[in-house]
Amino acid sequence: MPRGRSWGVTAITPGVGTLLSRALEPRYIGAMKRALILVAILACALGACSDKHASHSTAVNGTMTPVGGGIPPSSAKVVVVWTTDAGQGDSFYKYGEGTATATSFSLSIDEPLPTEATLGGILSVGLAVLIPSSVSVPNGVVTDPNFGADILGLAGQYTIIYRVNSAPTGLWVDQFPVGVSCGQCVPATTGFDTFTPVPCNLMEMQVGPQDAIAVCNWT
């Protein structure tokens, strides 16, 4: 279900396009995100978050899909941008990177994620973003004023979920395991969309103009 977005620069994290902002919604950190964090923190306080997972790398792969007349570049870079509440206000945090061809992309994410890349140190929701190979985005809070203009595409109907522990929230995130995993958008007839788990080799990167990119409205 396409939802057109502007690639314009926002005041949330300088230089982040509005389409990316709407996909991850750090400006509003809506009721859904606040509920996820609050319930998980309460569960931890009751001793339900003792899970530990060893350091390792998770691979995420997918296909390139042109939309709205877009043409995937023969060579490009893919970065993962996470919603975070670290620092002053809510922002985007880049962590995870890979490469893309005209037909596919692959990236890897080292676990565990930095606490600064999470919401409340409990979980995080990430988005795979396509940018030119020549653009360098260091790990950390995204502050590059040109980042919004650099975006070539998004895996807007998919997400990368990171859970620090298995503390139950009573919400859709409970379907996802501890650590990094992937999800596909489940459109809602009313209210917010949700995500359901899918293998991390089934992602789809949409490449094309803003009004052709479908973004999951999960917050």
N, C-alpha and C. Protein backbone atom coordinates (compact mmCIF):
# COMPACT_ATOMS: atom_id res chain seq x y z
N MET A 1 0.85 -1.19 0.00
CA MET A 1 0.00 0.00 0.00
C MET A 1 0.89 1.24 0.00
N PRO A 2 1.14 1.80 -1.15
CA PRO A 2 2.07 2.91 -1.28
C PRO A 2 1.64 4.11 -0.47
N ARG A 3 2.63 4.75 0.13
CA ARG A 3 2.40 6.00 0.83
C ARG A 3 3.49 6.96 0.38
N GLY A 4 3.17 7.90 -0.47
CA GLY A 4 4.18 8.79 -0.98
C GLY A 4 4.77 9.66 0.10
N ARG A 5 6.07 9.91 0.04
CA ARG A 5 6.76 10.73 1.01
C ARG A 5 7.70 11.67 0.28
N SER A 6 8.01 12.78 0.91
CA SER A 6 8.97 13.71 0.35
C SER A 6 10.38 13.33 0.76
N TRP A 7 11.34 13.56 -0.13
CA TRP A 7 12.74 13.30 0.20
C TRP A 7 13.36 14.49 0.91
N GLY A 8 12.57 15.51 1.21
CA GLY A 8 13.09 16.74 1.78
C GLY A 8 13.77 16.55 3.12
N VAL A 9 14.58 17.53 3.50
CA VAL A 9 15.31 17.50 4.76
C VAL A 9 14.38 17.84 5.91
N THR A 10 14.53 17.16 7.03
CA THR A 10 13.72 17.42 8.20
C THR A 10 14.57 18.03 9.29
N ALA A 11 13.90 18.46 10.35
CA ALA A 11 14.60 19.05 11.48
C ALA A 11 14.81 18.05 12.60
N ILE A 12 14.50 16.78 12.36
CA ILE A 12 14.61 15.76 13.40
C ILE A 12 16.08 15.41 13.60
N THR A 13 16.64 14.73 12.65
CA THR A 13 18.07 14.55 12.55
C THR A 13 18.46 15.28 11.28
N PRO A 14 19.33 16.28 11.35
CA PRO A 14 19.62 17.10 10.17
C PRO A 14 19.96 16.25 8.95
N GLY A 15 19.29 16.58 7.83
CA GLY A 15 19.61 15.94 6.57
C GLY A 15 18.87 14.65 6.28
N VAL A 16 18.04 14.16 7.18
CA VAL A 16 17.33 12.91 6.95
C VAL A 16 16.04 13.21 6.21
N GLY A 17 15.83 12.54 5.06
CA GLY A 17 14.65 12.79 4.24
C GLY A 17 13.37 12.45 4.96
N THR A 18 12.28 13.15 4.59
CA THR A 18 11.00 12.92 5.23
C THR A 18 10.49 11.50 5.01
N LEU A 19 10.76 10.92 3.86
CA LEU A 19 10.34 9.54 3.61
C LEU A 19 10.94 8.60 4.63
N LEU A 20 12.24 8.78 4.91
CA LEU A 20 12.91 7.96 5.92
C LEU A 20 12.35 8.27 7.30
N SER A 21 12.07 9.53 7.57
CA SER A 21 11.51 9.91 8.86
C SER A 21 10.16 9.25 9.10
N ARG A 22 9.33 9.22 8.08
CA ARG A 22 8.02 8.58 8.22
C ARG A 22 8.14 7.07 8.37
N ALA A 23 9.15 6.48 7.75
CA ALA A 23 9.33 5.04 7.84
C ALA A 23 9.75 4.60 9.24
N LEU A 24 10.52 5.47 9.92
CA LEU A 24 10.99 5.13 11.26
C LEU A 24 10.40 6.01 12.36
N GLU A 25 9.83 7.15 11.98
CA GLU A 25 9.09 8.03 12.88
C GLU A 25 9.77 8.42 14.18
N PRO A 26 11.03 8.86 14.18
CA PRO A 26 11.62 9.26 15.44
C PRO A 26 11.04 10.57 15.95
N ARG A 27 10.47 11.37 15.06
CA ARG A 27 9.94 12.65 15.48
C ARG A 27 8.78 12.50 16.44
N TYR A 28 8.00 11.48 16.20
CA TYR A 28 6.79 11.32 16.97
C TYR A 28 6.89 10.21 18.01
N ILE A 29 7.86 9.25 17.82
CA ILE A 29 7.98 8.08 18.70
C ILE A 29 6.60 7.71 19.20
N GLY A 30 5.69 7.38 18.33
CA GLY A 30 4.28 7.23 18.64
C GLY A 30 3.92 6.30 19.78
N ALA A 31 2.64 6.17 20.00
CA ALA A 31 2.14 5.37 21.11
C ALA A 31 2.62 3.93 21.04
N MET A 32 2.73 3.38 19.84
CA MET A 32 3.18 2.00 19.69
C MET A 32 4.59 1.83 20.21
N LYS A 33 5.50 2.72 19.83
CA LYS A 33 6.88 2.59 20.29
C LYS A 33 6.97 2.76 21.80
N ARG A 34 6.28 3.76 22.32
CA ARG A 34 6.33 3.99 23.76
C ARG A 34 5.79 2.78 24.52
N ALA A 35 4.76 2.16 23.97
CA ALA A 35 4.21 0.96 24.62
C ALA A 35 5.21 -0.17 24.61
N LEU A 36 5.89 -0.38 23.48
CA LEU A 36 6.89 -1.43 23.38
C LEU A 36 7.96 -1.25 24.44
N ILE A 37 8.47 -0.03 24.55
CA ILE A 37 9.56 0.24 25.49
C ILE A 37 9.09 0.10 26.93
N LEU A 38 7.95 0.70 27.25
CA LEU A 38 7.47 0.68 28.62
C LEU A 38 7.20 -0.73 29.12
N VAL A 39 6.51 -1.54 28.30
CA VAL A 39 6.18 -2.89 28.74
C VAL A 39 7.44 -3.73 28.89
N ALA A 40 8.40 -3.58 27.97
CA ALA A 40 9.63 -4.35 28.06
C ALA A 40 10.44 -3.97 29.29
N ILE A 41 10.48 -2.69 29.61
CA ILE A 41 11.22 -2.24 30.79
C ILE A 41 10.57 -2.77 32.05
N LEU A 42 9.24 -2.75 32.10
CA LEU A 42 8.54 -3.28 33.27
C LEU A 42 8.79 -4.76 33.44
N ALA A 43 8.82 -5.49 32.30
CA ALA A 43 9.08 -6.92 32.38
C ALA A 43 10.49 -7.19 32.90
N CYS A 44 11.45 -6.35 32.47
CA CYS A 44 12.81 -6.51 32.97
C CYS A 44 12.86 -6.27 34.47
N ALA A 45 12.13 -5.29 34.93
CA ALA A 45 12.12 -4.99 36.36
C ALA A 45 11.58 -6.16 37.16
N LEU A 46 10.76 -6.98 36.51
CA LEU A 46 10.19 -8.15 37.19
C LEU A 46 11.05 -9.41 36.96
N GLY A 47 12.22 -9.22 36.35
CA GLY A 47 13.17 -10.32 36.20
C GLY A 47 12.98 -11.18 34.98
N ALA A 48 12.32 -10.65 33.93
CA ALA A 48 12.02 -11.46 32.74
C ALA A 48 12.96 -11.18 31.59
N CYS A 49 14.12 -10.60 31.87
CA CYS A 49 15.00 -10.24 30.75
C CYS A 49 16.44 -10.66 31.00
N SER A 50 16.65 -11.92 31.28
CA SER A 50 17.99 -12.40 31.56
C SER A 50 18.67 -13.01 30.33
N ASP A 51 18.03 -12.92 29.16
CA ASP A 51 18.61 -13.51 27.95
C ASP A 51 19.96 -12.89 27.61
N LYS A 52 20.86 -13.72 27.12
CA LYS A 52 22.15 -13.24 26.65
C LYS A 52 22.45 -13.96 25.34
N HIS A 53 23.00 -13.23 24.37
CA HIS A 53 23.38 -13.88 23.14
C HIS A 53 24.81 -13.49 22.79
N ALA A 54 25.55 -14.44 22.23
CA ALA A 54 26.95 -14.24 21.95
C ALA A 54 27.13 -13.27 20.78
N SER A 55 28.29 -12.62 20.77
CA SER A 55 28.61 -11.72 19.67
C SER A 55 28.73 -12.50 18.37
N HIS A 56 28.09 -11.99 17.33
CA HIS A 56 28.17 -12.61 16.02
C HIS A 56 27.65 -11.63 14.98
N SER A 57 27.68 -12.03 13.73
CA SER A 57 27.22 -11.18 12.65
C SER A 57 26.02 -11.82 11.96
N THR A 58 24.99 -11.01 11.68
CA THR A 58 23.80 -11.49 11.00
C THR A 58 23.76 -10.93 9.58
N ALA A 59 23.53 -11.80 8.60
CA ALA A 59 23.45 -11.38 7.21
C ALA A 59 22.03 -11.05 6.82
N VAL A 60 21.86 -10.00 6.04
CA VAL A 60 20.56 -9.59 5.51
C VAL A 60 20.73 -9.43 4.00
N ASN A 61 19.87 -10.10 3.23
CA ASN A 61 19.98 -10.08 1.78
C ASN A 61 18.61 -9.84 1.14
N GLY A 62 18.62 -9.36 -0.08
CA GLY A 62 17.36 -9.14 -0.75
C GLY A 62 17.53 -8.76 -2.21
N THR A 63 16.41 -8.46 -2.82
CA THR A 63 16.39 -8.11 -4.24
C THR A 63 16.13 -6.62 -4.43
N MET A 64 16.52 -6.13 -5.59
CA MET A 64 16.28 -4.74 -5.96
C MET A 64 15.04 -4.69 -6.84
N THR A 65 14.08 -3.85 -6.48
CA THR A 65 12.84 -3.74 -7.24
C THR A 65 12.63 -2.30 -7.71
N PRO A 66 12.70 -2.05 -9.02
CA PRO A 66 12.43 -0.70 -9.51
C PRO A 66 10.95 -0.38 -9.41
N VAL A 67 10.63 0.82 -8.95
CA VAL A 67 9.24 1.26 -8.84
C VAL A 67 9.13 2.66 -9.45
N GLY A 68 7.98 2.95 -10.04
CA GLY A 68 7.75 4.28 -10.58
C GLY A 68 8.76 4.72 -11.63
N GLY A 69 9.29 3.77 -12.38
CA GLY A 69 10.27 4.13 -13.41
C GLY A 69 11.69 4.24 -12.91
N GLY A 70 11.92 3.90 -11.64
CA GLY A 70 13.27 3.95 -11.09
C GLY A 70 14.19 2.93 -11.72
N ILE A 71 15.49 3.23 -11.74
CA ILE A 71 16.49 2.32 -12.30
C ILE A 71 17.54 2.03 -11.23
N PRO A 72 17.60 0.82 -10.71
CA PRO A 72 18.62 0.49 -9.71
C PRO A 72 20.03 0.68 -10.29
N PRO A 73 20.92 1.31 -9.54
CA PRO A 73 22.29 1.49 -10.03
C PRO A 73 23.03 0.16 -10.11
N SER A 74 24.03 0.09 -10.96
CA SER A 74 24.80 -1.15 -11.10
C SER A 74 25.63 -1.44 -9.87
N SER A 75 25.95 -0.39 -9.11
CA SER A 75 26.73 -0.56 -7.89
C SER A 75 26.31 0.52 -6.90
N ALA A 76 26.04 0.12 -5.67
CA ALA A 76 25.62 1.09 -4.65
C ALA A 76 25.92 0.52 -3.26
N LYS A 77 25.63 1.31 -2.25
CA LYS A 77 25.88 0.93 -0.87
C LYS A 77 24.54 0.84 -0.13
N VAL A 78 24.45 -0.10 0.80
CA VAL A 78 23.26 -0.22 1.65
C VAL A 78 23.68 -0.03 3.10
N VAL A 79 22.98 0.83 3.82
CA VAL A 79 23.25 1.03 5.24
C VAL A 79 21.97 0.77 6.02
N VAL A 80 22.12 0.42 7.29
CA VAL A 80 20.95 0.22 8.15
C VAL A 80 20.84 1.42 9.09
N VAL A 81 19.67 2.02 9.11
CA VAL A 81 19.42 3.17 9.96
C VAL A 81 18.37 2.78 11.00
N TRP A 82 18.70 2.98 12.27
CA TRP A 82 17.85 2.57 13.39
C TRP A 82 17.24 3.78 14.08
N THR A 83 16.06 3.60 14.63
CA THR A 83 15.47 4.62 15.48
C THR A 83 16.13 4.55 16.84
N THR A 84 16.53 5.70 17.37
CA THR A 84 17.16 5.73 18.68
C THR A 84 16.68 6.92 19.50
N ASP A 85 16.70 6.77 20.80
CA ASP A 85 16.38 7.89 21.68
C ASP A 85 17.63 8.33 22.45
N ALA A 86 18.79 7.94 21.94
CA ALA A 86 20.04 8.35 22.59
C ALA A 86 20.30 9.83 22.36
N GLY A 87 20.96 10.45 23.31
CA GLY A 87 21.30 11.86 23.17
C GLY A 87 20.10 12.76 23.40
N GLN A 88 20.10 13.90 22.74
CA GLN A 88 19.04 14.88 22.92
C GLN A 88 17.93 14.62 21.91
N GLY A 89 16.80 14.16 22.40
CA GLY A 89 15.67 13.88 21.53
C GLY A 89 15.84 12.56 20.80
N ASP A 90 14.97 12.33 19.82
CA ASP A 90 14.96 11.09 19.06
C ASP A 90 15.63 11.32 17.71
N SER A 91 16.37 10.33 17.26
CA SER A 91 17.14 10.52 16.04
C SER A 91 17.38 9.20 15.34
N PHE A 92 18.22 9.23 14.29
CA PHE A 92 18.58 8.04 13.53
C PHE A 92 20.01 7.65 13.85
N TYR A 93 20.26 6.35 13.88
CA TYR A 93 21.60 5.85 14.19
C TYR A 93 21.98 4.84 13.12
N LYS A 94 23.09 5.09 12.43
CA LYS A 94 23.55 4.16 11.40
C LYS A 94 24.43 3.09 12.02
N TYR A 95 24.06 1.81 11.74
CA TYR A 95 24.87 0.69 12.20
C TYR A 95 24.55 -0.52 11.33
N GLY A 96 25.52 -0.96 10.56
CA GLY A 96 25.32 -2.05 9.61
C GLY A 96 25.45 -1.53 8.18
N GLU A 97 26.17 -2.30 7.35
CA GLU A 97 26.45 -1.81 6.00
C GLU A 97 26.69 -2.97 5.05
N GLY A 98 26.46 -2.70 3.76
CA GLY A 98 26.70 -3.72 2.74
C GLY A 98 26.74 -3.09 1.36
N THR A 99 26.58 -3.93 0.35
CA THR A 99 26.66 -3.46 -1.03
C THR A 99 25.44 -3.92 -1.82
N ALA A 100 25.26 -3.28 -2.98
CA ALA A 100 24.14 -3.63 -3.85
C ALA A 100 24.57 -3.61 -5.30
N THR A 101 23.93 -4.45 -6.09
CA THR A 101 24.06 -4.42 -7.55
C THR A 101 22.70 -4.01 -8.10
N ALA A 102 22.54 -4.09 -9.39
CA ALA A 102 21.26 -3.73 -9.99
C ALA A 102 20.15 -4.71 -9.66
N THR A 103 20.52 -5.90 -9.19
CA THR A 103 19.51 -6.93 -8.95
C THR A 103 19.40 -7.40 -7.50
N SER A 104 20.42 -7.17 -6.67
CA SER A 104 20.38 -7.69 -5.31
C SER A 104 21.23 -6.84 -4.38
N PHE A 105 21.04 -7.07 -3.07
CA PHE A 105 21.88 -6.40 -2.08
C PHE A 105 22.16 -7.36 -0.93
N SER A 106 23.21 -7.09 -0.21
CA SER A 106 23.55 -7.88 0.97
C SER A 106 24.26 -6.98 1.96
N LEU A 107 24.04 -7.25 3.24
CA LEU A 107 24.69 -6.47 4.29
C LEU A 107 24.85 -7.35 5.52
N SER A 108 25.65 -6.90 6.45
CA SER A 108 25.84 -7.64 7.69
C SER A 108 25.72 -6.69 8.87
N ILE A 109 25.25 -7.24 9.98
CA ILE A 109 25.07 -6.46 11.20
C ILE A 109 25.75 -7.21 12.34
N ASP A 110 26.72 -6.57 12.96
CA ASP A 110 27.41 -7.18 14.09
C ASP A 110 26.56 -7.01 15.35
N GLU A 111 26.44 -8.12 16.08
CA GLU A 111 25.70 -8.09 17.33
C GLU A 111 26.64 -8.30 18.51
N PRO A 112 26.26 -7.74 19.67
CA PRO A 112 25.07 -6.94 19.93
C PRO A 112 25.20 -5.51 19.39
N LEU A 113 24.06 -4.86 19.17
CA LEU A 113 24.07 -3.47 18.73
C LEU A 113 24.55 -2.57 19.88
N PRO A 114 25.13 -1.43 19.53
CA PRO A 114 25.46 -0.46 20.58
C PRO A 114 24.17 -0.02 21.29
N THR A 115 24.25 0.20 22.58
CA THR A 115 23.08 0.66 23.32
C THR A 115 22.52 1.94 22.72
N GLU A 116 23.42 2.78 22.19
CA GLU A 116 22.99 4.05 21.61
C GLU A 116 22.14 3.88 20.36
N ALA A 117 22.14 2.67 19.79
CA ALA A 117 21.36 2.40 18.58
C ALA A 117 19.99 1.85 18.90
N THR A 118 19.62 1.82 20.18
CA THR A 118 18.35 1.22 20.59
C THR A 118 17.40 2.25 21.19
N LEU A 119 16.19 1.80 21.41
CA LEU A 119 15.19 2.58 22.13
C LEU A 119 15.18 2.09 23.58
N GLY A 120 15.70 2.90 24.46
CA GLY A 120 15.69 2.56 25.88
C GLY A 120 16.57 1.38 26.24
N GLY A 121 17.52 1.00 25.34
CA GLY A 121 18.37 -0.15 25.62
C GLY A 121 17.62 -1.46 25.57
N ILE A 122 16.41 -1.46 25.02
CA ILE A 122 15.54 -2.65 25.04
C ILE A 122 15.38 -3.27 23.65
N LEU A 123 15.14 -2.45 22.65
CA LEU A 123 14.91 -2.94 21.30
C LEU A 123 15.19 -1.83 20.30
N SER A 124 15.21 -2.19 19.03
CA SER A 124 15.36 -1.18 17.99
C SER A 124 14.71 -1.65 16.70
N VAL A 125 14.31 -0.71 15.89
CA VAL A 125 13.67 -0.98 14.61
C VAL A 125 14.51 -0.29 13.54
N GLY A 126 15.03 -1.09 12.59
CA GLY A 126 15.92 -0.55 11.58
C GLY A 126 15.36 -0.65 10.17
N LEU A 127 15.93 0.13 9.27
CA LEU A 127 15.51 0.18 7.88
C LEU A 127 16.73 0.13 6.99
N ALA A 128 16.71 -0.71 5.96
CA ALA A 128 17.79 -0.77 4.99
C ALA A 128 17.61 0.35 3.97
N VAL A 129 18.64 1.14 3.78
CA VAL A 129 18.59 2.34 2.94
C VAL A 129 19.67 2.25 1.86
N LEU A 130 19.29 2.55 0.63
CA LEU A 130 20.21 2.51 -0.50
C LEU A 130 20.79 3.89 -0.76
N ILE A 131 22.12 3.98 -0.83
CA ILE A 131 22.80 5.25 -1.10
C ILE A 131 23.92 5.00 -2.11
N PRO A 132 24.45 6.05 -2.73
CA PRO A 132 25.54 5.87 -3.69
C PRO A 132 26.78 5.26 -3.03
N SER A 133 27.55 4.52 -3.79
CA SER A 133 28.77 3.90 -3.26
C SER A 133 29.77 4.94 -2.77
N SER A 134 29.73 6.11 -3.35
CA SER A 134 30.69 7.16 -2.99
C SER A 134 30.39 7.83 -1.66
N VAL A 135 29.21 7.59 -1.12
CA VAL A 135 28.81 8.25 0.13
C VAL A 135 29.25 7.43 1.33
N SER A 136 29.89 8.07 2.29
CA SER A 136 30.35 7.41 3.50
C SER A 136 29.51 7.89 4.68
N VAL A 137 28.90 6.94 5.38
CA VAL A 137 28.11 7.27 6.57
C VAL A 137 28.71 6.51 7.75
N PRO A 138 29.38 7.19 8.65
CA PRO A 138 30.01 6.48 9.78
C PRO A 138 28.97 5.95 10.74
N ASN A 139 29.33 4.90 11.48
CA ASN A 139 28.44 4.40 12.52
C ASN A 139 28.21 5.49 13.56
N GLY A 140 26.96 5.62 13.99
CA GLY A 140 26.62 6.64 14.97
C GLY A 140 25.39 7.41 14.53
N VAL A 141 25.02 8.40 15.33
CA VAL A 141 23.87 9.24 15.01
C VAL A 141 24.10 9.94 13.67
N VAL A 142 23.11 9.88 12.80
CA VAL A 142 23.24 10.47 11.46
C VAL A 142 23.10 11.97 11.56
N THR A 143 24.16 12.70 11.17
CA THR A 143 24.14 14.16 11.24
C THR A 143 24.47 14.82 9.90
N ASP A 144 24.83 14.03 8.90
CA ASP A 144 25.20 14.57 7.59
C ASP A 144 24.03 15.32 6.97
N PRO A 145 24.19 16.62 6.70
CA PRO A 145 23.07 17.40 6.14
C PRO A 145 22.67 16.97 4.74
N ASN A 146 23.51 16.17 4.07
CA ASN A 146 23.19 15.73 2.71
C ASN A 146 22.59 14.33 2.67
N PHE A 147 22.42 13.70 3.81
CA PHE A 147 21.99 12.30 3.81
C PHE A 147 20.63 12.10 3.14
N GLY A 148 19.68 12.98 3.40
CA GLY A 148 18.36 12.86 2.79
C GLY A 148 18.42 12.89 1.27
N ALA A 149 19.27 13.76 0.73
CA ALA A 149 19.39 13.88 -0.72
C ALA A 149 20.11 12.69 -1.34
N ASP A 150 20.90 11.98 -0.51
CA ASP A 150 21.67 10.86 -1.02
C ASP A 150 20.85 9.58 -1.18
N ILE A 151 19.69 9.49 -0.55
CA ILE A 151 18.92 8.25 -0.54
C ILE A 151 18.40 7.91 -1.94
N LEU A 152 18.70 6.67 -2.37
CA LEU A 152 18.25 6.19 -3.67
C LEU A 152 17.06 5.25 -3.57
N GLY A 153 16.86 4.64 -2.41
CA GLY A 153 15.77 3.69 -2.24
C GLY A 153 15.68 3.21 -0.81
N LEU A 154 14.60 2.51 -0.51
CA LEU A 154 14.35 1.99 0.83
C LEU A 154 13.73 0.60 0.75
N ALA A 155 14.01 -0.22 1.76
CA ALA A 155 13.26 -1.47 1.93
C ALA A 155 12.06 -1.12 2.80
N GLY A 156 11.18 -0.29 2.27
CA GLY A 156 10.12 0.34 3.05
C GLY A 156 9.03 -0.58 3.57
N GLN A 157 8.89 -1.76 2.97
CA GLN A 157 7.87 -2.70 3.42
C GLN A 157 8.46 -3.79 4.32
N TYR A 158 9.71 -3.60 4.71
CA TYR A 158 10.41 -4.56 5.57
C TYR A 158 11.09 -3.81 6.70
N THR A 159 11.47 -4.56 7.72
CA THR A 159 12.19 -3.96 8.83
C THR A 159 13.22 -4.94 9.36
N ILE A 160 14.19 -4.42 10.09
CA ILE A 160 15.16 -5.24 10.80
C ILE A 160 14.94 -4.96 12.29
N ILE A 161 14.58 -5.99 13.02
CA ILE A 161 14.27 -5.86 14.44
C ILE A 161 15.45 -6.34 15.28
N TYR A 162 15.75 -5.60 16.33
CA TYR A 162 16.77 -6.04 17.28
C TYR A 162 16.15 -6.03 18.68
N ARG A 163 16.15 -7.21 19.31
CA ARG A 163 15.65 -7.33 20.67
C ARG A 163 16.80 -7.71 21.60
N VAL A 164 16.92 -6.97 22.68
CA VAL A 164 17.97 -7.24 23.65
C VAL A 164 17.64 -8.47 24.48
N ASN A 165 16.33 -8.68 24.72
CA ASN A 165 15.90 -9.81 25.54
C ASN A 165 14.49 -10.22 25.11
N SER A 166 13.97 -11.27 25.71
CA SER A 166 12.66 -11.80 25.33
C SER A 166 11.55 -11.36 26.26
N ALA A 167 11.75 -10.30 27.01
CA ALA A 167 10.70 -9.80 27.89
C ALA A 167 9.42 -9.56 27.09
N PRO A 168 8.30 -10.16 27.48
CA PRO A 168 7.06 -10.04 26.70
C PRO A 168 6.48 -8.63 26.76
N THR A 169 5.94 -8.19 25.63
CA THR A 169 5.30 -6.87 25.57
C THR A 169 3.79 -6.98 25.33
N GLY A 170 3.33 -8.16 24.87
CA GLY A 170 1.93 -8.30 24.51
C GLY A 170 1.62 -7.69 23.16
N LEU A 171 2.66 -7.31 22.42
CA LEU A 171 2.49 -6.67 21.12
C LEU A 171 3.21 -7.49 20.04
N TRP A 172 3.14 -7.02 18.79
CA TRP A 172 3.67 -7.81 17.67
C TRP A 172 5.14 -8.12 17.79
N VAL A 173 5.91 -7.31 18.50
CA VAL A 173 7.34 -7.55 18.61
C VAL A 173 7.66 -8.87 19.30
N ASP A 174 6.70 -9.42 20.06
CA ASP A 174 6.93 -10.69 20.76
C ASP A 174 7.15 -11.85 19.79
N GLN A 175 6.76 -11.68 18.52
CA GLN A 175 6.96 -12.74 17.53
C GLN A 175 8.43 -12.90 17.15
N PHE A 176 9.24 -11.88 17.45
CA PHE A 176 10.62 -11.85 16.99
C PHE A 176 11.57 -12.35 18.07
N PRO A 177 12.62 -13.08 17.67
CA PRO A 177 13.56 -13.63 18.64
C PRO A 177 14.52 -12.59 19.18
N VAL A 178 15.25 -12.96 20.21
CA VAL A 178 16.31 -12.10 20.73
C VAL A 178 17.39 -11.96 19.67
N GLY A 179 17.95 -10.78 19.56
CA GLY A 179 18.97 -10.50 18.56
C GLY A 179 18.37 -9.86 17.32
N VAL A 180 19.07 -9.97 16.21
CA VAL A 180 18.63 -9.37 14.94
C VAL A 180 17.78 -10.36 14.16
N SER A 181 16.66 -9.90 13.65
CA SER A 181 15.80 -10.69 12.78
C SER A 181 15.08 -9.72 11.84
N CYS A 182 14.30 -10.27 10.92
CA CYS A 182 13.68 -9.42 9.90
C CYS A 182 12.16 -9.59 9.87
N GLY A 183 11.49 -8.56 9.41
CA GLY A 183 10.04 -8.60 9.36
C GLY A 183 9.50 -7.96 8.09
N GLN A 184 8.28 -8.38 7.72
CA GLN A 184 7.58 -7.81 6.57
C GLN A 184 6.32 -7.14 7.05
N CYS A 185 5.97 -6.04 6.41
CA CYS A 185 4.80 -5.26 6.81
C CYS A 185 3.50 -6.05 6.64
N VAL A 186 2.63 -5.92 7.64
CA VAL A 186 1.28 -6.47 7.56
C VAL A 186 0.33 -5.28 7.60
N PRO A 187 -0.25 -4.89 6.46
CA PRO A 187 -1.12 -3.72 6.41
C PRO A 187 -2.35 -3.90 7.31
N ALA A 188 -2.70 -2.84 8.00
CA ALA A 188 -3.86 -2.86 8.88
C ALA A 188 -5.07 -2.26 8.17
N THR A 189 -6.24 -2.78 8.47
CA THR A 189 -7.46 -2.18 7.92
C THR A 189 -7.83 -0.93 8.70
N THR A 190 -7.47 -0.91 10.00
CA THR A 190 -7.64 0.27 10.83
C THR A 190 -6.43 0.37 11.75
N GLY A 191 -6.08 1.57 12.16
CA GLY A 191 -4.95 1.73 13.06
C GLY A 191 -3.62 1.55 12.35
N PHE A 192 -2.63 1.09 13.11
CA PHE A 192 -1.28 0.98 12.59
C PHE A 192 -1.00 -0.38 11.94
N ASP A 193 -0.11 -0.36 10.94
CA ASP A 193 0.39 -1.60 10.38
C ASP A 193 1.28 -2.30 11.42
N THR A 194 1.58 -3.57 11.19
CA THR A 194 2.49 -4.30 12.06
C THR A 194 3.50 -5.04 11.18
N PHE A 195 4.37 -5.82 11.82
CA PHE A 195 5.34 -6.64 11.09
C PHE A 195 5.21 -8.09 11.51
N THR A 196 5.50 -8.99 10.58
CA THR A 196 5.53 -10.41 10.88
C THR A 196 6.90 -10.94 10.48
N PRO A 197 7.46 -11.92 11.22
CA PRO A 197 8.80 -12.40 10.91
C PRO A 197 8.91 -13.04 9.52
N VAL A 198 10.00 -12.75 8.84
CA VAL A 198 10.34 -13.40 7.57
C VAL A 198 11.84 -13.67 7.57
N PRO A 199 12.31 -14.62 6.77
CA PRO A 199 13.75 -14.85 6.66
C PRO A 199 14.47 -13.59 6.18
N CYS A 200 15.67 -13.38 6.68
CA CYS A 200 16.42 -12.17 6.34
C CYS A 200 17.02 -12.20 4.93
N ASN A 201 16.71 -13.23 4.15
CA ASN A 201 17.17 -13.25 2.76
C ASN A 201 16.02 -12.97 1.79
N LEU A 202 14.91 -12.46 2.32
CA LEU A 202 13.74 -12.19 1.48
C LEU A 202 13.37 -10.70 1.44
N MET A 203 14.30 -9.85 1.80
CA MET A 203 14.01 -8.42 1.80
C MET A 203 13.89 -7.88 0.37
N GLU A 204 13.20 -6.76 0.24
CA GLU A 204 13.02 -6.13 -1.07
C GLU A 204 13.33 -4.64 -0.96
N MET A 205 14.29 -4.20 -1.75
CA MET A 205 14.67 -2.79 -1.78
C MET A 205 13.97 -2.11 -2.95
N GLN A 206 13.12 -1.13 -2.65
CA GLN A 206 12.43 -0.39 -3.70
C GLN A 206 13.29 0.80 -4.13
N VAL A 207 13.46 0.94 -5.43
CA VAL A 207 14.27 2.02 -5.98
C VAL A 207 13.42 2.81 -6.95
N GLY A 208 13.23 4.09 -6.69
CA GLY A 208 12.41 4.90 -7.56
C GLY A 208 12.03 6.21 -6.90
N PRO A 209 11.14 6.97 -7.52
CA PRO A 209 10.73 8.27 -6.99
C PRO A 209 9.92 8.13 -5.71
N GLN A 210 9.87 9.21 -4.95
CA GLN A 210 9.24 9.22 -3.65
C GLN A 210 7.79 8.74 -3.66
N ASP A 211 7.03 9.10 -4.63
CA ASP A 211 5.61 8.75 -4.61
C ASP A 211 5.35 7.30 -5.01
N ALA A 212 6.40 6.55 -5.33
CA ALA A 212 6.23 5.14 -5.69
C ALA A 212 6.71 4.22 -4.58
N ILE A 213 7.35 4.76 -3.56
CA ILE A 213 7.89 3.94 -2.47
C ILE A 213 6.79 3.63 -1.46
N ALA A 214 6.57 2.34 -1.19
CA ALA A 214 5.60 1.92 -0.19
C ALA A 214 6.28 1.79 1.17
N VAL A 215 5.78 2.50 2.16
CA VAL A 215 6.38 2.51 3.49
C VAL A 215 5.38 2.00 4.52
N CYS A 216 5.82 1.11 5.38
CA CYS A 216 4.95 0.55 6.41
C CYS A 216 4.63 1.61 7.47
N ASN A 217 3.36 1.82 7.72
CA ASN A 217 2.90 2.82 8.68
C ASN A 217 2.69 2.16 10.05
N TRP A 218 3.79 1.85 10.73
CA TRP A 218 3.70 1.04 11.94
C TRP A 218 3.62 1.84 13.23
N THR A 219 3.78 3.17 13.18
CA THR A 219 3.69 3.96 14.41
C THR A 219 2.63 5.05 14.28
